[in-house]
């Protein structure tokens, strides 16, 4: 009787260890995904930018430096000064802090044809790095730029489809 009790305890122990290991893997995965694809344990810092129009930018949007994702947007809200500006707060990987200086510019970009927005930072090696909580300079741009960029991508795709139809490709082109 004592021997079967130990076997049951050993089985329960193995199941318990497996459950705990699975929960640890799940927690690390959630941290990784929640940190925007960067290491959840890498040191981070925060910068802000004042923009006149964010064109649908939302918290959680990626922040890219030279096309490489280096952080996420944490907050988008009307600026406390009340001049019609929008304050965008970004949480970035501290390893890129030296590349984002007072001469860098922050602008809006698009993730795809559906119009999801991202923040694009044009880095600069010149100037002094922006400190934690500091403000980066926003690029001056036309508020319709995002709409036109999305539309031009869709138009180019449509032109390629129509050209293939004119060339007789596909079922519709052969009709």
Protein backbone atom coordinates (compact mmCIF):
# COMPACT_ATOMS: atom_id res chain seq x y z
CA UNK A 1 0.00 0.00 0.00
CA UNK A 2 2.83 2.34 0.81
CA UNK A 3 4.56 1.57 -2.50
CA UNK A 4 1.53 2.49 -4.71
CA UNK A 5 1.17 5.71 -2.73
CA UNK A 6 4.74 6.69 -3.65
CA UNK A 7 4.13 5.87 -7.33
CA UNK A 8 1.05 8.05 -7.35
CA UNK A 9 3.00 10.86 -5.68
CA UNK A 10 5.78 10.58 -8.30
CA UNK A 11 3.17 10.76 -11.12
CA UNK A 12 1.54 13.78 -9.54
CA UNK A 13 4.94 15.43 -9.17
CA UNK A 14 5.75 14.92 -12.85
CA UNK A 15 2.38 16.36 -13.89
CA UNK A 16 2.87 19.31 -11.56
CA UNK A 17 6.34 20.05 -12.95
CA UNK A 18 5.01 19.86 -16.51
CA UNK A 19 2.16 22.26 -15.68
CA UNK A 20 4.53 24.74 -14.03
CA UNK A 21 6.97 24.58 -16.97
CA UNK A 22 4.08 25.15 -19.40
CA UNK A 23 2.90 28.17 -17.43
CA UNK A 24 6.41 29.65 -17.45
CA UNK A 25 6.66 29.22 -21.24
CA UNK A 26 3.22 30.82 -21.63
CA UNK A 27 4.20 33.78 -19.42
CA UNK A 28 7.43 34.40 -21.36
CA UNK A 29 5.53 34.22 -24.66
CA UNK A 30 2.95 36.73 -23.43
CA UNK A 31 5.72 39.08 -22.28
CA UNK A 32 7.49 38.78 -25.63
CA UNK A 33 4.35 39.46 -27.68
CA UNK A 34 3.27 42.26 -25.34
CA UNK A 35 6.61 44.03 -25.65
CA UNK A 36 6.15 44.49 -29.40
CA UNK A 37 8.43 41.72 -30.57
CA UNK A 38 11.46 43.02 -28.72
CA UNK A 39 12.93 41.35 -25.67
CA UNK A 40 10.66 41.92 -22.66
CA UNK A 41 13.72 42.05 -20.42
CA UNK A 42 15.72 44.55 -22.50
CA UNK A 43 15.98 48.00 -20.93
CA UNK A 44 13.49 50.49 -22.34
CA UNK A 45 13.07 54.24 -22.36
CA UNK A 46 10.29 56.63 -23.28
CA UNK A 47 10.22 59.52 -25.72
CA UNK A 48 7.38 61.75 -26.85
CA UNK A 49 6.52 63.71 -29.98
CA UNK A 50 4.01 66.49 -30.60
CA UNK A 51 2.15 66.07 -33.89
CA UNK A 52 -0.56 68.11 -35.52
CA UNK A 53 -2.39 65.05 -36.89
CA UNK A 54 -1.86 61.37 -36.10
CA UNK A 55 -4.20 60.10 -38.82
CA UNK A 56 -5.65 57.19 -36.79
CA UNK A 57 -2.52 56.15 -34.88
CA UNK A 58 -3.38 53.96 -31.88
CA UNK A 59 -1.53 52.69 -28.81
CA UNK A 60 0.25 49.44 -29.60
CA UNK A 61 1.33 50.59 -33.06
CA UNK A 62 4.95 49.75 -33.91
CA UNK A 63 7.74 52.32 -33.84
CA UNK A 64 10.41 51.84 -36.50
CA UNK A 65 13.89 53.27 -36.81
CA UNK A 66 15.22 52.89 -40.33
CA UNK A 67 12.50 50.32 -41.03
CA UNK A 68 13.43 48.15 -38.03
CA UNK A 69 10.89 47.80 -35.24
CA UNK A 70 12.40 49.20 -32.04
CA UNK A 71 9.36 49.83 -29.84
CA UNK A 72 5.66 50.56 -29.54
CA UNK A 73 3.34 53.51 -29.11
CA UNK A 74 2.05 53.52 -25.55
CA UNK A 75 -0.18 56.57 -25.52
CA UNK A 76 -1.88 58.92 -28.01
CA UNK A 77 -3.70 61.85 -26.46
CA UNK A 78 -4.43 65.51 -26.95
CA UNK A 79 -1.56 67.63 -25.71
CA UNK A 80 -2.09 69.30 -22.34
CA UNK A 81 -1.20 72.69 -23.84
CA UNK A 82 -4.46 72.71 -25.82
CA UNK A 83 -2.99 74.08 -29.07
CA UNK A 84 -4.64 71.35 -31.12
CA UNK A 85 -1.53 69.18 -31.01
CA UNK A 86 -1.47 65.47 -30.23
CA UNK A 87 1.13 64.00 -27.88
CA UNK A 88 2.43 60.56 -28.89
CA UNK A 89 4.30 58.60 -26.22
CA UNK A 90 6.61 55.79 -27.37
CA UNK A 91 8.46 53.08 -25.45
CA UNK A 92 11.71 52.17 -27.20
CA UNK A 93 14.59 49.76 -26.78
CA UNK A 94 17.37 51.60 -24.94
CA UNK A 95 19.99 50.19 -27.37
CA UNK A 96 18.84 52.67 -30.03
CA UNK A 97 18.91 55.73 -27.79
CA UNK A 98 22.20 57.01 -29.25
CA UNK A 99 20.70 56.98 -32.76
CA UNK A 100 17.66 59.09 -31.84
CA UNK A 101 18.95 62.60 -31.29
CA UNK A 102 17.56 66.12 -31.21
CA UNK A 103 18.12 66.18 -35.00
CA UNK A 104 16.02 63.05 -35.63
CA UNK A 105 12.51 63.41 -37.01
CA UNK A 106 9.38 61.46 -36.15
CA UNK A 107 6.71 60.86 -38.78
CA UNK A 108 3.82 58.58 -39.56
CA UNK A 109 4.07 55.55 -41.81
CA UNK A 110 1.76 52.86 -43.02
CA UNK A 111 1.98 49.12 -42.34
CA UNK A 112 0.06 47.97 -45.39
CA UNK A 113 -2.78 48.54 -47.80
CA UNK A 114 -5.38 48.48 -45.04
CA UNK A 115 -4.03 51.69 -43.56
CA UNK A 116 -2.70 50.57 -40.19
CA UNK A 117 -0.36 53.26 -38.92
CA UNK A 118 3.14 53.10 -37.52
CA UNK A 119 5.61 55.70 -36.27
CA UNK A 120 8.74 56.08 -38.38
CA UNK A 121 11.80 57.71 -36.85
CA UNK A 122 14.48 59.07 -39.13
CA UNK A 123 17.59 58.62 -36.98
CA UNK A 124 20.55 60.96 -36.90
CA UNK A 125 24.03 60.31 -35.56
CA UNK A 126 24.52 64.06 -35.14
CA UNK A 127 23.13 65.92 -32.16
CA UNK A 128 22.58 64.88 -28.58
CA UNK A 129 20.54 61.77 -27.71
CA UNK A 130 17.02 62.43 -26.46
CA UNK A 131 16.81 61.66 -22.73
CA UNK A 132 14.20 59.42 -21.13
CA UNK A 133 10.88 61.28 -21.23
CA UNK A 134 12.21 63.86 -23.70
CA UNK A 135 10.58 65.15 -26.87
CA UNK A 136 11.61 64.26 -30.41
CA UNK A 137 11.00 66.62 -33.29
CA UNK A 138 7.99 65.72 -35.43
CA UNK A 139 8.35 65.99 -39.20
CA UNK A 140 6.15 68.60 -40.80
CA UNK A 141 3.86 66.85 -43.25
CA UNK A 142 0.59 67.22 -45.04
CA UNK A 143 -2.30 65.54 -43.12
CA UNK A 144 -3.48 63.99 -46.40
CA UNK A 145 -0.11 62.31 -46.97
CA UNK A 146 -1.14 59.08 -45.24
CA UNK A 147 -4.34 58.86 -47.25
CA UNK A 148 -2.52 59.54 -50.50
CA UNK A 149 0.21 57.01 -49.70
CA UNK A 150 -2.37 54.31 -49.00
CA UNK A 151 -4.33 55.23 -52.14
CA UNK A 152 -1.22 55.22 -54.35
CA UNK A 153 -0.31 51.71 -53.18
CA UNK A 154 -3.82 50.49 -53.94
CA UNK A 155 -3.81 52.23 -57.32
CA UNK A 156 -0.48 50.65 -58.29
CA UNK A 157 -1.83 47.22 -57.38
CA UNK A 158 -4.99 47.83 -59.40
CA UNK A 159 -2.90 48.94 -62.42
CA UNK A 160 -0.89 45.69 -62.28
CA UNK A 161 -4.11 43.65 -62.25
CA UNK A 162 -5.58 45.58 -65.17
CA UNK A 163 -2.33 45.27 -67.17
CA UNK A 164 -2.38 41.51 -66.70
CA UNK A 165 -6.01 41.40 -67.83
CA UNK A 166 -5.14 43.46 -70.92
CA UNK A 167 -2.32 41.02 -71.68
CA UNK A 168 -4.82 38.17 -71.68
CA UNK A 169 -3.78 36.55 -68.41
CA UNK A 170 -6.29 34.89 -66.12
CA UNK A 171 -9.90 33.91 -66.76
CA UNK A 172 -11.19 37.46 -67.27
CA UNK A 173 -8.31 38.40 -69.59
CA UNK A 174 -9.12 35.49 -71.92
CA UNK A 175 -12.80 36.38 -72.20
